[in-house]
C-alpha atoms as a PDB file:
ATOM      1  CA  MET A   1     -56.456   6.801   7.509  1.00  0.00           C
ATOM      2  CA  TYR A   2     -54.271   8.203   4.754  1.00  0.00           C
ATOM      3  CA  GLN A   3     -51.065   6.330   4.063  1.00  0.00           C
ATOM      4  CA  PRO A   4     -48.372   7.844   1.839  1.00  0.00           C
ATOM      5  CA  PRO A   5     -47.719   5.805  -1.299  1.00  0.00           C
ATOM      6  CA  LYS A   6     -44.642   3.625  -1.593  1.00  0.00           C
ATOM      7  CA  VAL A   7     -42.241   4.620  -4.354  1.00  0.00           C
ATOM      8  CA  ILE A   8     -40.350   1.705  -5.884  1.00  0.00           C
ATOM      9  CA  PHE A   9     -37.517   2.001  -8.413  1.00  0.00           C
ATOM     10  CA  GLU A  10     -36.535  -1.256 -10.096  1.00  0.00           C
ATOM     11  CA  PHE A  11     -33.249  -1.302 -12.001  1.00  0.00           C
ATOM     12  CA  MET A  12     -33.137  -4.235 -14.395  1.00  0.00           C
ATOM     13  CA  SER A  13     -29.434  -3.705 -15.174  1.00  0.00           C
ATOM     14  CA  GLY A  14     -28.430  -2.889 -11.603  1.00  0.00           C
ATOM     15  CA  ILE A  15     -27.668   0.366  -9.801  1.00  0.00           C
ATOM     16  CA  GLU A  16     -24.458   1.722  -8.296  1.00  0.00           C
ATOM     17  CA  GLU A  17     -24.256   1.620  -4.505  1.00  0.00           C
ATOM     18  CA  ASN A  18     -23.843   5.385  -3.960  1.00  0.00           C
ATOM     19  CA  LEU A  19     -26.978   6.221  -5.936  1.00  0.00           C
ATOM     20  CA  ALA A  20     -28.955   3.383  -4.346  1.00  0.00           C
ATOM     21  CA  ASN A  21     -28.087   4.648  -0.863  1.00  0.00           C
ATOM     22  CA  LYS A  22     -29.179   8.187  -1.727  1.00  0.00           C
ATOM     23  CA  LEU A  23     -32.505   6.975  -3.095  1.00  0.00           C
ATOM     24  CA  LYS A  24     -33.100   4.879   0.022  1.00  0.00           C
ATOM     25  CA  ALA A  25     -32.272   7.887   2.197  1.00  0.00           C
ATOM     26  CA  ILE A  26     -35.247   9.806   0.764  1.00  0.00           C
ATOM     27  CA  GLY A  27     -37.627   6.892   1.230  1.00  0.00           C
ATOM     28  CA  ILE A  28     -37.494   5.196  -2.175  1.00  0.00           C
ATOM     29  CA  ILE A  29     -37.511   1.402  -2.261  1.00  0.00           C
ATOM     30  CA  VAL A  30     -34.726   0.187  -4.551  1.00  0.00           C
ATOM     31  CA  LYS A  31     -34.916  -3.157  -6.328  1.00  0.00           C
ATOM     32  CA  GLY A  32     -32.233  -4.693  -8.489  1.00  0.00           C
ATOM     33  CA  GLU A  33     -28.600  -5.708  -8.213  1.00  0.00           C
ATOM     34  CA  ILE A  34     -26.430  -3.283  -6.232  1.00  0.00           C
ATOM     35  CA  LEU A  35     -23.262  -2.657  -8.256  1.00  0.00           C
ATOM     36  CA  PRO A  36     -19.856  -1.285  -7.156  1.00  0.00           C
ATOM     37  CA  ASN A  37     -19.464   2.447  -7.691  1.00  0.00           C
ATOM     38  CA  SER A  38     -17.779   3.333 -10.985  1.00  0.00           C
ATOM     39  CA  VAL A  39     -16.264   6.434  -9.399  1.00  0.00           C
ATOM     40  CA  TYR A  40     -15.501   6.481  -5.704  1.00  0.00           C
ATOM     41  CA  ILE A  41     -16.257   9.838  -4.152  1.00  0.00           C
ATOM     42  CA  GLU A  42     -15.846  10.346  -0.445  1.00  0.00           C
ATOM     43  CA  ASP A  43     -18.602  11.497   1.867  1.00  0.00           C
ATOM     44  CA  CYS A  44     -17.722  15.152   1.318  1.00  0.00           C
ATOM     45  CA  ASP A  45     -18.641  14.880  -2.360  1.00  0.00           C
ATOM     46  CA  ASP A  46     -22.373  14.975  -1.754  1.00  0.00           C
ATOM     47  CA  SER A  47     -23.809  16.845  -4.709  1.00  0.00           C
ATOM     48  CA  TRP A  48     -27.315  16.319  -3.311  1.00  0.00           C
ATOM     49  CA  SER A  49     -26.614  18.755  -0.476  1.00  0.00           C
ATOM     50  CA  SER A  50     -28.403  22.048  -0.971  1.00  0.00           C
ATOM     51  CA  GLU A  51     -25.825  23.722   1.258  1.00  0.00           C
ATOM     52  CA  SER A  52     -22.877  22.892  -1.033  1.00  0.00           C
ATOM     53  CA  SER A  53     -21.948  24.465  -4.328  1.00  0.00           C
ATOM     54  CA  ASP A  54     -20.807  22.333  -7.257  1.00  0.00           C
ATOM     55  CA  GLU A  55     -17.243  23.402  -6.564  1.00  0.00           C
ATOM     56  CA  GLU A  56     -17.516  22.406  -2.917  1.00  0.00           C
ATOM     57  CA  SER A  57     -19.054  19.066  -3.870  1.00  0.00           C
ATOM     58  CA  LEU A  58     -15.828  18.218  -5.707  1.00  0.00           C
ATOM     59  CA  CYS A  59     -13.773  18.941  -2.568  1.00  0.00           C
ATOM     60  CA  ASN A  60     -11.571  21.625  -4.139  1.00  0.00           C
ATOM     61  CA  GLN A  61      -9.254  22.320  -1.204  1.00  0.00           C
ATOM     62  CA  GLN A  62      -6.089  24.066  -2.336  1.00  0.00           C
ATOM     63  CA  SER A  63      -3.407  22.151  -0.449  1.00  0.00           C
ATOM     64  CA  SER A  64       0.210  23.159  -0.949  1.00  0.00           C
ATOM     65  CA  LEU A  65       3.710  22.559   0.359  1.00  0.00           C
ATOM     66  CA  GLU A  66       3.436  25.863   2.237  1.00  0.00           C
ATOM     67  CA  GLN A  67       0.345  24.556   4.005  1.00  0.00           C
ATOM     68  CA  VAL A  68       2.294  21.473   5.086  1.00  0.00           C
ATOM     69  CA  SER A  69       4.905  23.670   6.758  1.00  0.00           C
ATOM     70  CA  GLN A  70       2.214  25.783   8.391  1.00  0.00           C
ATOM     71  CA  CYS A  71       0.364  22.687   9.597  1.00  0.00           C
ATOM     72  CA  MET A  72       3.511  21.235  11.157  1.00  0.00           C
ATOM     73  CA  GLU A  73       4.205  24.553  12.890  1.00  0.00           C
ATOM     74  CA  GLU A  74       0.698  24.489  14.361  1.00  0.00           C
ATOM     75  CA  HIS A  75       1.119  20.875  15.544  1.00  0.00           C
ATOM     76  CA  PRO A  76       4.842  20.590  16.427  1.00  0.00           C
ATOM     77  CA  LYS A  77       4.384  17.706  18.859  1.00  0.00           C
ATOM     78  CA  ILE A  78       2.430  15.477  16.476  1.00  0.00           C
ATOM     79  CA  ASP A  79       4.617  12.768  14.983  1.00  0.00           C
ATOM     80  CA  THR A  80       1.873  10.340  13.932  1.00  0.00           C
ATOM     81  CA  LEU A  81      -0.412  10.694  10.915  1.00  0.00           C
ATOM     82  CA  ASN A  82      -3.755   8.907  10.748  1.00  0.00           C
ATOM     83  CA  LEU A  83      -4.592   8.216   7.098  1.00  0.00           C
ATOM     84  CA  ASP A  84      -8.196   8.432   5.954  1.00  0.00           C
ATOM     85  CA  VAL A  85      -9.413   6.408   2.962  1.00  0.00           C
ATOM     86  CA  THR A  86      -9.267   9.549   0.815  1.00  0.00           C
ATOM     87  CA  ALA A  87      -5.618  10.185   1.688  1.00  0.00           C
ATOM     88  CA  MET A  88      -4.581   6.662   0.738  1.00  0.00           C
ATOM     89  CA  MET A  89      -6.531   6.859  -2.516  1.00  0.00           C
ATOM     90  CA  ALA A  90      -4.867  10.139  -3.422  1.00  0.00           C
ATOM     91  CA  TYR A  91      -1.457   8.641  -2.688  1.00  0.00           C
ATOM     92  CA  VAL A  92      -1.828   5.594  -4.966  1.00  0.00           C
ATOM     93  CA  SER A  93      -3.997   7.103  -7.728  1.00  0.00           C
ATOM     94  CA  ASN A  94      -2.589   7.032 -11.247  1.00  0.00           C
ATOM     95  CA  MET A  95      -3.710  10.637 -11.547  1.00  0.00           C
ATOM     96  CA  THR A  96      -1.264  11.768  -8.853  1.00  0.00           C
ATOM     97  CA  ASN A  97       1.528   9.602 -10.207  1.00  0.00           C
ATOM     98  CA  GLY A  98       2.108  11.262 -13.558  1.00  0.00           C
ATOM     99  CA  HIS A  99      -1.127  10.448 -15.401  1.00  0.00           C
ATOM    100  CA  CYS A 100      -3.309  13.547 -15.133  1.00  0.00           C
ATOM    101  CA  ASN A 101      -3.378  14.212 -18.891  1.00  0.00           C
ATOM    102  CA  TYR A 102      -6.794  12.712 -19.648  1.00  0.00           C
ATOM    103  CA  VAL A 103     -10.305  13.857 -20.432  1.00  0.00           C
ATOM    104  CA  PHE A 104     -12.620  11.306 -18.846  1.00  0.00           C
ATOM    105  CA  ILE A 105     -16.242  10.456 -19.486  1.00  0.00           C
ATOM    106  CA  GLN A 106     -16.825  11.284 -15.817  1.00  0.00           C
ATOM    107  CA  GLU A 107     -16.657  15.076 -15.428  1.00  0.00           C
ATOM    108  CA  VAL A 108     -15.476  14.870 -11.831  1.00  0.00           C
ATOM    109  CA  LEU A 109     -12.364  12.972 -12.931  1.00  0.00           C
ATOM    110  CA  THR A 110     -11.575  15.462 -15.694  1.00  0.00           C
ATOM    111  CA  GLN A 111     -11.909  18.313 -13.193  1.00  0.00           C
ATOM    112  CA  GLN A 112      -9.619  16.562 -10.742  1.00  0.00           C
ATOM    113  CA  CYS A 113      -7.052  16.060 -13.524  1.00  0.00           C
ATOM    114  CA  ALA A 114      -7.083  19.793 -14.224  1.00  0.00           C
ATOM    115  CA  TRP A 115      -6.540  20.523 -10.538  1.00  0.00           C
ATOM    116  CA  GLU A 116      -3.788  17.912 -10.351  1.00  0.00           C
ATOM    117  CA  ALA A 117      -1.938  19.519 -13.264  1.00  0.00           C
ATOM    118  CA  GLU A 118      -2.070  22.857 -11.414  1.00  0.00           C
ATOM    119  CA  ARG A 119      -1.631  21.600  -7.850  1.00  0.00           C
ATOM    120  CA  PRO A 120      -0.072  18.115  -7.597  1.00  0.00           C
ATOM    121  CA  VAL A 121      -1.223  16.351  -4.438  1.00  0.00           C
ATOM    122  CA  LYS A 122       1.365  13.602  -4.016  1.00  0.00           C
ATOM    123  CA  PRO A 123       4.322  15.961  -3.366  1.00  0.00           C
ATOM    124  CA  VAL A 124       2.193  17.536  -0.632  1.00  0.00           C
ATOM    125  CA  LEU A 125       1.496  14.154   0.953  1.00  0.00           C
ATOM    126  CA  GLU A 126       5.103  12.998   0.611  1.00  0.00           C
ATOM    127  CA  ARG A 127       6.318  16.163   2.324  1.00  0.00           C
ATOM    128  CA  LEU A 128       3.743  15.694   5.074  1.00  0.00           C
ATOM    129  CA  PHE A 129       4.748  12.035   5.554  1.00  0.00           C
ATOM    130  CA  GLU A 130       8.466  12.824   6.035  1.00  0.00           C
ATOM    131  CA  GLY A 131       9.676  11.663   9.436  1.00  0.00           C
ATOM    132  CA  LYS A 132       6.178  10.691  10.579  1.00  0.00           C
ATOM    133  CA  SER A 133       4.679   7.376  11.655  1.00  0.00           C
ATOM    134  CA  LEU A 134       1.810   6.449   9.335  1.00  0.00           C
ATOM    135  CA  VAL A 135      -1.170   4.628  10.828  1.00  0.00           C
ATOM    136  CA  CYS A 136      -4.805   3.922  10.090  1.00  0.00           C
ATOM    137  CA  CYS A 137      -7.641   2.003  11.683  1.00  0.00           C
ATOM    138  CA  ARG A 138      -8.920  -1.331  10.398  1.00  0.00           C
ATOM    139  CA  THR A 139     -12.097   0.166   8.937  1.00  0.00           C
ATOM    140  CA  ALA A 140     -10.096   2.675   6.894  1.00  0.00           C
ATOM    141  CA  TRP A 141      -7.685   0.098   5.508  1.00  0.00           C
ATOM    142  CA  ASP A 142     -10.320  -2.526   4.730  1.00  0.00           C
ATOM    143  CA  ASP A 143     -12.541  -0.018   2.915  1.00  0.00           C
ATOM    144  CA  PHE A 144      -9.565   1.410   1.019  1.00  0.00           C
ATOM    145  CA  GLU A 145      -8.385  -2.051  -0.010  1.00  0.00           C
ATOM    146  CA  LYS A 146     -11.904  -3.003  -1.121  1.00  0.00           C
ATOM    147  CA  ILE A 147     -12.116   0.113  -3.309  1.00  0.00           C
ATOM    148  CA  VAL A 148      -8.706  -0.566  -4.871  1.00  0.00           C
ATOM    149  CA  ASN A 149      -9.565  -4.206  -5.543  1.00  0.00           C
ATOM    150  CA  THR A 150     -12.843  -3.152  -7.187  1.00  0.00           C
ATOM    151  CA  LEU A 151     -11.828  -0.019  -9.101  1.00  0.00           C
ATOM    152  CA  GLY A 152      -8.043   0.111  -9.092  1.00  0.00           C
ATOM    153  CA  GLY A 153      -5.788  -0.600 -12.047  1.00  0.00           C
ATOM    154  CA  PRO A 154      -2.606  -2.735 -12.001  1.00  0.00           C
ATOM    155  CA  MET A 155      -0.221   0.076 -11.018  1.00  0.00           C
ATOM    156  CA  GLU A 156      -2.629   1.432  -8.402  1.00  0.00           C
ATOM    157  CA  LYS A 157      -2.691  -2.032  -6.840  1.00  0.00           C
ATOM    158  CA  VAL A 158       1.120  -2.166  -6.872  1.00  0.00           C
ATOM    159  CA  ARG A 159       1.273   1.208  -5.121  1.00  0.00           C
ATOM    160  CA  THR A 160      -1.257  -0.042  -2.582  1.00  0.00           C
ATOM    161  CA  GLU A 161       1.046  -2.935  -1.697  1.00  0.00           C
ATOM    162  CA  GLU A 162       3.924  -0.472  -1.306  1.00  0.00           C
ATOM    163  CA  LEU A 163       1.791   1.766   0.910  1.00  0.00           C
ATOM    164  CA  LYS A 164       0.805  -1.244   3.009  1.00  0.00           C
ATOM    165  CA  LYS A 165       4.446  -1.613   4.041  1.00  0.00           C
ATOM    166  CA  MET A 166       4.496   2.006   5.217  1.00  0.00           C
ATOM    167  CA  VAL A 167       1.275   2.026   7.261  1.00  0.00           C
ATOM    168  CA  GLU A 168       0.580   0.307  10.572  1.00  0.00           C
ATOM    169  CA  VAL A 169      -3.042  -0.812  10.892  1.00  0.00           C
ATOM    170  CA  PHE A 170      -4.692  -0.785  14.325  1.00  0.00           C
ATOM    171  CA  PRO A 171      -8.074  -2.072  15.544  1.00  0.00           C
ATOM    172  CA  ASP A 172     -10.856   0.512  15.339  1.00  0.00           C
ATOM    173  CA  ASP A 173     -11.148   0.695  19.140  1.00  0.00           C
ATOM    174  CA  TYR A 174      -7.413   1.073  19.768  1.00  0.00           C
ATOM    175  CA  GLY A 175      -6.508   3.821  22.230  1.00  0.00           C
ATOM    176  CA  GLY A 176      -9.372   3.403  24.676  1.00  0.00           C
ATOM    177  CA  ASP A 177     -12.799   4.995  24.819  1.00  0.00           C
ATOM    178  CA  ASP A 178     -13.844   8.156  22.997  1.00  0.00           C
ATOM    179  CA  ASP A 179     -14.410  11.266  25.079  1.00  0.00           C
ATOM    180  CA  TYR A 180     -18.004  12.379  25.606  1.00  0.00           C
ATOM    181  CA  PRO A 181     -18.335  14.892  22.728  1.00  0.00           C
ATOM    182  CA  ARG A 182     -16.905  12.547  20.091  1.00  0.00           C
ATOM    183  CA  HIS A 183     -18.691   9.470  21.376  1.00  0.00           C
ATOM    184  CA  ASN A 184     -21.979  11.366  21.135  1.00  0.00           C
ATOM    185  CA  LEU A 185     -21.309  12.925  17.726  1.00  0.00           C
ATOM    186  CA  LYS A 186     -24.535  12.301  15.813  1.00  0.00           C
ATOM    187  CA  VAL A 187     -24.281  10.360  12.559  1.00  0.00           C
ATOM    188  CA  ARG A 188     -26.230  12.461  10.066  1.00  0.00           C
ATOM    189  CA  GLY A 189     -25.612  14.427   6.888  1.00  0.00           C
ATOM    190  CA  HIS A 190     -21.884  14.602   6.180  1.00  0.00           C
ATOM    191  CA  VAL A 191     -21.124  12.852   9.477  1.00  0.00           C
ATOM    192  CA  ARG A 192     -21.039   9.248   8.317  1.00  0.00           C
ATOM    193  CA  LEU A 193     -20.294   6.351  10.644  1.00  0.00           C
ATOM    194  CA  ARG A 194     -17.104   5.359   8.842  1.00  0.00           C
ATOM    195  CA  SER A 195     -15.726   8.892   9.020  1.00  0.00           C
ATOM    196  CA  LYS A 196     -16.603   9.125  12.709  1.00  0.00           C
ATOM    197  CA  ILE A 197     -14.714   5.880  13.368  1.00  0.00           C
ATOM    198  CA  ILE A 198     -11.644   7.083  11.441  1.00  0.00           C
ATOM    199  CA  PHE A 199     -11.442  10.586  12.903  1.00  0.00           C
ATOM    200  CA  ASN A 200     -12.191   9.412  16.452  1.00  0.00           C
ATOM    201  CA  PHE A 201      -9.396   6.849  16.145  1.00  0.00           C
ATOM    202  CA  GLY A 202      -6.985   9.603  15.168  1.00  0.00           C
ATOM    203  CA  HIS A 203      -8.101  11.802  18.055  1.00  0.00           C
ATOM    204  CA  ARG A 204      -7.686   9.024  20.634  1.00  0.00           C
ATOM    205  CA  ILE A 205      -4.096   8.311  19.620  1.00  0.00           C
ATOM    206  CA  LYS A 206      -3.281  12.054  19.349  1.00  0.00           C
ATOM    207  CA  ALA A 207      -2.534  11.818  15.632  1.00  0.00           C
ATOM    208  CA  LEU A 208      -3.112  14.311  12.841  1.00  0.00           C
ATOM    209  CA  THR A 209      -5.744  12.869  10.499  1.00  0.00           C
ATOM    210  CA  VAL A 210      -4.945  13.312   6.798  1.00  0.00           C
ATOM    211  CA  SER A 211      -8.098  13.476   4.690  1.00  0.00           C
ATOM    212  CA  ALA A 212      -9.987  15.115   1.829  1.00  0.00           C
ATOM    213  CA  ASN A 213     -13.214  14.903   3.820  1.00  0.00           C
ATOM    214  CA  GLU A 214     -13.718  18.559   4.686  1.00  0.00           C
ATOM    215  CA  GLY A 215     -17.483  18.021   4.791  1.00  0.00           C
ATOM    216  CA  PHE A 216     -17.132  15.813   7.866  1.00  0.00           C
ATOM    217  CA  LEU A 217     -15.073  18.437   9.680  1.00  0.00           C
ATOM    218  CA  ARG A 218     -17.561  21.202   8.897  1.00  0.00           C
ATOM    219  CA  SER A 219     -20.528  19.118  10.024  1.00  0.00           C
ATOM    220  CA  SER A 220     -18.729  17.985  13.185  1.00  0.00           C
ATOM    221  CA  LEU A 221     -17.899  21.587  14.021  1.00  0.00           C
ATOM    222  CA  GLN A 222     -21.598  22.437  13.758  1.00  0.00           C
ATOM    223  CA  GLN A 223     -22.102  19.904  16.569  1.00  0.00           C
ATOM    224  CA  GLY A 224     -19.292  21.507  18.583  1.00  0.00           C
ATOM    225  CA  VAL A 225     -16.703  18.798  17.881  1.00  0.00           C
ATOM    226  CA  THR A 226     -13.279  19.529  16.393  1.00  0.00           C
ATOM    227  CA  TYR A 227     -10.420  17.347  15.144  1.00  0.00           C
ATOM    228  CA  ALA A 228      -6.752  17.913  14.337  1.00  0.00           C
ATOM    229  CA  ALA A 229      -6.610  17.331  10.586  1.00  0.00           C
ATOM    230  CA  PHE A 230      -4.734  18.178   7.403  1.00  0.00           C
ATOM    231  CA  ILE A 231      -7.107  18.591   4.463  1.00  0.00           C
ATOM    232  CA  HIS A 232      -5.872  17.906   0.935  1.00  0.00           C
ATOM    233  CA  GLU A 233      -7.615  17.939  -2.425  1.00  0.00           C
ATOM    234  CA  SER A 234      -9.623  14.875  -3.369  1.00  0.00           C
ATOM    235  CA  ARG A 235      -8.225  12.496  -6.002  1.00  0.00           C
ATOM    236  CA  ALA A 236     -10.005   9.393  -7.293  1.00  0.00           C
ATOM    237  CA  LEU A 237      -8.573   6.175  -8.713  1.00  0.00           C
ATOM    238  CA  THR A 238      -8.349   6.627 -12.480  1.00  0.00           C
ATOM    239  CA  GLU A 239      -6.204   3.903 -14.027  1.00  0.00           C
ATOM    240  CA  GLY A 240      -9.194   1.700 -14.788  1.00  0.00           C
ATOM    241  CA  LYS A 241     -10.890   4.563 -16.642  1.00  0.00           C
ATOM    242  CA  GLU A 242      -7.947   5.543 -18.855  1.00  0.00           C
ATOM    243  CA  SER A 243      -8.879   3.092 -21.618  1.00  0.00           C
ATOM    244  CA  THR A 244     -12.132   4.989 -22.274  1.00  0.00           C
ATOM    245  CA  ALA A 245     -10.639   8.465 -21.759  1.00  0.00           C
ATOM    246  CA  LYS A 246      -9.041  10.830 -24.250  1.00  0.00           C
ATOM    247  CA  LYS A 247      -5.333  11.359 -23.664  1.00  0.00           C
ATOM    248  CA  ILE A 248      -4.107  14.914 -24.125  1.00  0.00           C
ATOM    249  CA  GLU A 249      -0.658  16.453 -24.434  1.00  0.00           C
ATOM    250  CA  LEU A 250       0.226  18.766 -21.566  1.00  0.00           C
END
């Protein structure tokens, strides 16, 4: 009986976790040390998806202060914001705190800097946060903190400690059981388990989830499941990459 051959990639100097996971997903056996990702990109930034353009893979949502006002008008009774990992990263990133004047080795970071110069994200988040209770689930905070500890620079870590004082962290299962549609949301494609945990937590506590993960929302909608969410542009942590980047005058 015919058996398909096994494909094995061995990386003598190690391989970043994101790439290793994508290779494993298509049946390749990966050998070698699994390294932390040099650039953290959320689930929506899946450039391997044939259904997404390059622009979509960089999560180019044009958030604005006007959109904040519109969002609050659409959800007048919501006074709690559930922060996704991407929202917390955007809030503490050096890029969104006055340091978007760099050309990085990583093209995605340079592109985000250009967007940040045109459409600053932090003022949008600060406006959204005004008068609201900020919460997140344990999975979101632990993953965010792990990313900051691995990739964040000194000032990004300071901002993380400041954000920690603003956000109340709840257990993942806080708020009771998920309703049937969200409990049965299938984990596949852009619907990753972590994102399902985070968005379901927000839904259970009747919060507006703040995130850059538009891919999750689109894929969930294809399964007939919707969430109350505010989508902002994606911003990565950049302070640790500034030493190898070219600084430019704006």
